[in-house]
Protein backbone atom coordinates (compact mmCIF):
# COMPACT_ATOMS: atom_id res chain seq x y z
CA MET A 1 11.42 59.73 -37.56
CA THR A 2 8.25 60.43 -35.58
CA GLU A 3 8.43 61.29 -31.89
CA GLU A 4 6.05 60.03 -29.23
CA LYS A 5 3.75 62.54 -27.63
CA PRO A 6 5.46 64.20 -24.65
CA PRO A 7 5.04 62.20 -21.41
CA LEU A 8 2.65 64.30 -19.33
CA LYS A 9 1.40 61.69 -16.86
CA PHE A 10 3.28 63.06 -13.85
CA TRP A 11 2.66 66.67 -14.84
CA LEU A 12 -1.08 66.07 -15.06
CA SER A 13 -1.05 64.06 -11.81
CA GLY A 14 0.67 66.96 -10.06
CA LEU A 15 -1.99 69.34 -11.31
CA GLY A 16 -4.63 66.91 -10.03
CA ILE A 17 -3.09 66.96 -6.55
CA PHE A 18 -2.92 70.75 -6.70
CA GLY A 19 -6.59 70.86 -7.61
CA ILE A 20 -7.43 68.72 -4.58
CA PHE A 21 -5.55 71.21 -2.37
CA ILE A 22 -7.64 74.06 -3.77
CA VAL A 23 -10.91 72.20 -3.18
CA LEU A 24 -9.97 71.23 0.38
CA GLY A 25 -8.93 74.80 1.11
CA ALA A 26 -12.29 76.05 -0.12
CA LEU A 27 -14.15 73.48 1.98
CA ALA A 28 -12.17 74.51 5.07
CA GLY A 29 -13.64 77.98 4.66
CA ASP A 30 -12.85 80.45 7.41
CA ALA A 31 -11.61 77.94 9.99
CA SER A 32 -8.60 80.23 10.42
CA GLN A 33 -7.64 83.67 9.17
CA TYR A 34 -4.27 82.26 8.09
CA ASN A 35 -3.41 79.65 5.46
CA ILE A 36 -0.24 77.80 4.45
CA VAL A 37 0.70 80.49 1.93
CA ASP A 38 0.65 83.05 4.77
CA HIS A 39 2.95 80.78 6.77
CA GLN A 40 5.32 80.49 3.83
CA GLY A 41 5.58 84.25 3.45
CA ALA A 42 5.63 85.12 7.17
CA GLY A 43 9.23 86.31 7.03
CA THR A 44 9.84 86.49 10.80
CA ALA A 45 9.71 84.10 13.73
CA GLU A 46 7.18 86.38 15.45
CA MET A 47 4.73 86.14 12.54
CA VAL A 48 5.24 82.37 12.26
CA ASN A 49 4.41 82.01 15.97
CA THR A 50 1.27 84.12 15.51
CA ILE A 51 0.05 81.97 12.63
CA GLN A 52 0.83 78.68 14.36
CA ALA A 53 -0.87 79.86 17.58
CA ALA A 54 -4.02 80.62 15.57
CA TRP A 55 -3.92 77.16 14.01
CA ARG A 56 -3.55 75.48 17.40
CA ALA A 57 -6.40 77.55 18.83
CA ASN A 58 -8.67 76.35 16.01
CA GLY A 59 -7.55 72.71 16.25
CA LEU A 60 -5.84 72.81 12.86
CA ARG A 61 -2.26 71.93 13.80
CA ASN A 62 -2.40 68.27 12.74
CA ALA A 63 -4.38 69.07 9.60
CA VAL A 64 -1.74 71.60 8.55
CA ILE A 65 1.06 69.10 9.19
CA TYR A 66 -0.70 66.50 7.03
CA GLY A 67 -1.19 69.17 4.39
CA MET A 68 2.53 69.91 4.37
CA ILE A 69 3.31 66.20 4.00
CA ALA A 70 0.93 66.08 1.03
CA ASP A 71 2.70 69.15 -0.33
CA PHE A 72 5.96 67.17 -0.43
CA VAL A 73 4.21 64.64 -2.67
CA PHE A 74 2.83 67.36 -4.92
CA ILE A 75 6.24 69.01 -5.32
CA ALA A 76 7.87 65.72 -6.30
CA VAL A 77 5.17 64.63 -8.76
CA TYR A 78 4.59 67.99 -10.44
CA GLY A 79 8.25 69.03 -10.42
CA TRP A 80 9.46 65.76 -11.92
CA GLY A 81 6.58 65.72 -14.39
CA SER A 82 7.45 69.23 -15.55
CA PHE A 83 11.11 68.32 -15.97
CA VAL A 84 10.30 65.18 -18.00
CA ALA A 85 7.86 67.12 -20.19
CA GLY A 86 10.37 69.91 -20.75
CA ARG A 87 13.11 67.45 -21.63
CA SER A 88 10.80 65.71 -24.09
CA PHE A 89 9.86 68.99 -25.77
CA TYR A 90 13.55 69.93 -25.97
CA ARG A 91 14.37 66.67 -27.76
CA SER A 92 11.54 66.84 -30.28
CA GLY A 93 9.75 69.51 -32.26
CA ASN A 94 10.64 72.74 -34.00
CA ALA A 95 13.05 75.39 -32.75
CA LEU A 96 10.43 77.23 -30.71
CA VAL A 97 9.24 74.04 -29.01
CA ARG A 98 12.84 73.10 -28.17
CA LEU A 99 13.40 76.56 -26.68
CA LEU A 100 10.26 76.25 -24.59
CA GLY A 101 11.33 72.76 -23.52
CA GLY A 102 14.65 74.10 -22.24
CA PHE A 103 12.93 76.82 -20.21
CA ILE A 104 10.42 74.32 -18.81
CA ALA A 105 13.09 71.84 -17.71
CA ALA A 106 15.19 74.59 -16.10
CA ALA A 107 12.16 76.07 -14.34
CA ALA A 108 11.21 72.61 -13.07
CA VAL A 109 14.59 72.26 -11.36
CA VAL A 110 14.20 75.71 -9.80
CA PHE A 111 10.68 74.80 -8.66
CA LEU A 112 11.84 71.56 -7.04
CA ILE A 113 14.70 73.21 -5.16
CA SER A 114 12.86 76.35 -4.02
CA ASP A 115 9.59 74.66 -3.05
CA TYR A 116 11.27 71.79 -1.22
CA LEU A 117 13.50 74.19 0.70
CA GLU A 118 10.54 76.37 1.62
CA THR A 119 8.32 73.47 2.68
CA ILE A 120 11.07 71.76 4.71
CA LEU A 121 11.64 74.97 6.67
CA GLN A 122 7.89 75.32 7.22
CA PHE A 123 7.60 71.74 8.36
CA VAL A 124 10.45 72.03 10.87
CA GLN A 125 8.91 75.14 12.43
CA MET A 126 5.53 73.43 12.66
CA LEU A 127 6.94 70.34 14.35
CA GLN A 128 8.84 72.33 16.97
CA ASP A 129 5.90 74.75 17.47
CA GLU A 130 8.23 77.71 17.28
CA GLY A 131 9.33 80.05 14.57
CA VAL A 132 12.98 80.65 13.70
CA ASP A 133 13.93 83.95 12.10
CA TRP A 134 16.38 82.63 9.50
CA MET A 135 14.03 79.79 8.53
CA ALA A 136 11.07 82.15 8.17
CA ALA A 137 13.13 84.64 6.17
CA THR A 138 14.51 81.95 3.84
CA ALA A 139 11.05 80.48 3.25
CA ALA A 140 9.64 83.92 2.46
CA THR A 141 12.50 84.56 0.00
CA GLY A 142 11.84 81.27 -1.79
CA GLN A 143 8.09 81.82 -2.13
CA PRO A 144 8.11 84.22 -5.14
CA ILE A 145 10.83 82.14 -6.83
CA LYS A 146 8.67 79.05 -6.47
CA PHE A 147 5.60 80.81 -7.86
CA ALA A 148 7.54 82.15 -10.85
CA ALA A 149 8.96 78.69 -11.62
CA PHE A 150 5.48 77.15 -11.34
CA TYR A 151 4.02 79.66 -13.80
CA VAL A 152 6.84 79.04 -16.27
CA THR A 153 6.34 75.26 -16.16
CA PHE A 154 2.54 75.43 -16.31
CA PHE A 155 2.15 77.94 -19.12
CA GLY A 156 5.30 76.68 -20.85
CA VAL A 157 3.91 73.14 -21.19
CA LEU A 158 0.60 74.50 -22.49
CA ALA A 159 2.41 76.66 -25.04
CA ALA A 160 4.71 73.84 -26.17
CA MET A 161 1.76 71.47 -26.58
CA ASN A 162 0.01 74.08 -28.70
CA ARG A 163 3.06 74.68 -30.91
CA GLN A 164 4.24 71.08 -31.34
CA GLY A 165 2.02 70.06 -34.21
CA ALA A 166 -0.37 71.51 -36.74
CA GLU A 167 -3.77 72.31 -35.29
CA GLY A 168 -6.02 69.26 -35.16
CA GLU A 169 -3.35 67.02 -36.69
CA PHE A 170 -1.49 64.22 -34.92
CA ARG A 171 0.63 63.14 -37.91
CA SER A 172 4.08 64.59 -38.51
CA ASN A 173 4.20 64.64 -42.32
CA LEU A 174 5.70 67.87 -43.68
CA HIS A 175 2.74 68.52 -45.95
CA ARG A 176 0.46 68.24 -42.90
CA GLY A 177 2.30 70.92 -40.94
CA GLY A 178 5.08 68.85 -39.37
CA SER A 179 8.71 69.89 -39.19
CA ALA A 180 11.99 68.19 -40.08
CA ARG A 181 15.33 68.48 -38.31
CA LEU A 182 18.61 66.58 -38.25
CA ILE A 183 18.91 64.06 -35.42
CA LYS A 184 21.33 61.29 -34.49
CA ILE A 185 19.66 57.90 -34.68
CA THR A 186 20.61 55.03 -32.41
CA PRO A 187 22.20 51.78 -33.63
CA GLU A 188 18.93 49.99 -32.88
CA GLU A 189 16.97 52.47 -34.99
CA ARG A 190 19.45 52.11 -37.86
CA SER A 191 19.28 48.31 -37.69
CA THR A 192 15.48 48.36 -37.58
CA ALA A 193 15.26 50.58 -40.67
CA VAL A 194 17.76 48.46 -42.64
CA ARG A 195 16.00 45.20 -41.76
CA ALA A 196 12.64 46.68 -42.78
CA ALA A 197 14.09 47.78 -46.14
CA LYS A 198 15.58 44.32 -46.70
CA ALA A 199 12.26 42.66 -45.88
CA MET A 200 10.64 44.82 -48.56
CA GLY A 201 13.40 44.03 -51.04
CA LEU A 202 14.14 47.73 -51.48
CA ASN A 203 17.57 49.24 -51.90
CA VAL A 204 16.17 52.78 -51.65
CA CYS A 205 13.18 53.62 -49.49
CA GLY A 206 11.95 55.77 -46.65
CA VAL A 207 11.32 54.05 -43.29
CA ASP A 208 9.07 55.93 -40.87
CA LEU A 209 9.82 55.03 -37.27
CA LEU A 210 8.07 55.93 -34.04
CA ARG A 211 10.25 56.26 -30.95
CA SER A 212 8.55 54.46 -28.09
CA ASN A 213 9.34 53.31 -24.58
CA HIS A 214 10.01 49.81 -25.90
CA GLY A 215 12.21 50.80 -28.81
CA PRO A 216 11.67 51.89 -32.43
CA VAL A 217 8.36 50.92 -34.05
CA ILE A 218 7.93 50.79 -37.83
CA MET A 219 5.05 52.94 -39.08
CA GLU A 220 5.61 52.76 -42.83
CA VAL A 221 8.11 51.67 -45.47
CA ASN A 222 7.75 53.92 -48.51
CA SER A 223 9.29 52.90 -51.82
CA SER A 224 8.90 56.44 -53.16
CA PRO A 225 9.56 58.80 -50.24
CA GLY A 226 9.48 62.58 -50.42
CA LEU A 227 12.93 64.13 -50.18
CA GLU A 228 12.15 67.77 -49.36
CA GLY A 229 12.34 67.38 -45.59
CA ILE A 230 15.46 65.23 -45.42
CA GLU A 231 17.34 67.34 -47.96
CA THR A 232 16.44 70.54 -46.10
CA ALA A 233 17.39 69.09 -42.71
CA THR A 234 20.67 67.52 -43.83
CA GLY A 235 21.72 69.98 -46.52
CA LYS A 236 22.60 67.02 -48.76
CA ASP A 237 21.57 66.19 -52.32
CA ILE A 238 19.78 62.94 -51.50
CA ALA A 239 18.18 62.69 -54.94
CA GLY A 240 21.60 62.94 -56.56
CA GLN A 241 22.99 60.22 -54.30
CA ILE A 242 20.07 57.95 -55.23
CA ILE A 243 20.74 58.48 -58.93
CA GLU A 244 24.44 57.72 -58.45
CA PHE A 245 23.54 54.52 -56.57
CA ILE A 246 21.17 53.42 -59.34
CA GLU A 247 23.75 54.14 -62.04
CA ALA A 248 26.35 52.08 -60.19
CA ASN A 249 24.08 49.11 -59.38
CA ALA A 250 21.41 48.96 -62.09
CA LYS A 251 21.30 45.66 -63.98
CA LYS A 252 18.56 44.13 -66.05
CA GLY A 253 16.35 41.95 -63.85
CA ASN A 254 18.28 42.89 -60.72
CA THR A 255 15.38 43.39 -58.33
CA LYS A 256 14.40 41.69 -55.09
CA THR A 257 11.14 43.51 -54.44
CA LYS A 258 8.86 41.16 -52.57
CA GLY A 259 5.14 40.84 -51.92
CA GLY A 260 3.04 39.31 -49.17
CA VAL A 261 3.95 39.10 -45.51
CA GLU A 262 7.54 38.88 -44.36
CA ARG A 263 8.55 38.06 -40.81
CA ILE A 264 11.53 40.01 -39.51
CA ARG A 265 13.27 38.54 -36.50
CA GLY A 266 12.61 40.74 -33.53
CA LEU A 267 10.08 42.90 -35.39
CA GLY A 268 7.17 40.54 -36.07
CA SER A 269 5.17 40.40 -39.32
CA VAL A 270 5.43 43.19 -41.87
CA GLN A 271 3.03 43.55 -44.81
CA THR A 272 5.01 44.08 -48.01
CA GLN A 273 3.74 45.01 -51.43
CA ALA A 274 5.39 44.70 -54.83
């Protein structure tokens, strides 16, 4: 079974939005001595009022409010993208990748909760043009938690991507650096593999499947599959079971191996070779 590459679309989109924030902040230059990060870590109503007064004096109040609204979008996109990526790593890959995936998914949840709480409290204080001590203190407490969770998701995804496959190799074959582990296949995957074997006229074969968003996709049907990975992952004597099957079913001329192109209902055309 071959897994799809981890879905990183939302994670990458979140990083793109974050990059835009950095560029806009640089372009804004020294319009004010305070930025949104200062507001997040203010800690007291007095400091919040000082920062917001400086923004109003420089005509930045509306720009900051729009920035906070954009921050809500960033949190949702990046946080969800990190969680999806972490979950994908946890479900596929070797033990280290699965461990990283668990940390990434957990950190993504922490990031979503802490950053949303912090930004909501910021936003409320901005709209009412007045700081509130408990809101400022809570936002300041959440700031380091948010940063830590962000670093875990960012560097965790990079590390998991680096560890998922052999360097420079996209295929998952064991002899190319891939790994094998025991998984529970779905009824649809089982049915797809059996139908592919029947179309080839093979009683014993290896069916390579790719898990995709639209269901299992057949990559290869191998009449002479390697058994090292499956025997290691399952702890079973697969070769012995094959021999027992052959001994019980072997008859002279009893073969249905086919050649040409077979059409499997629901799967399309499959090239088969004798």
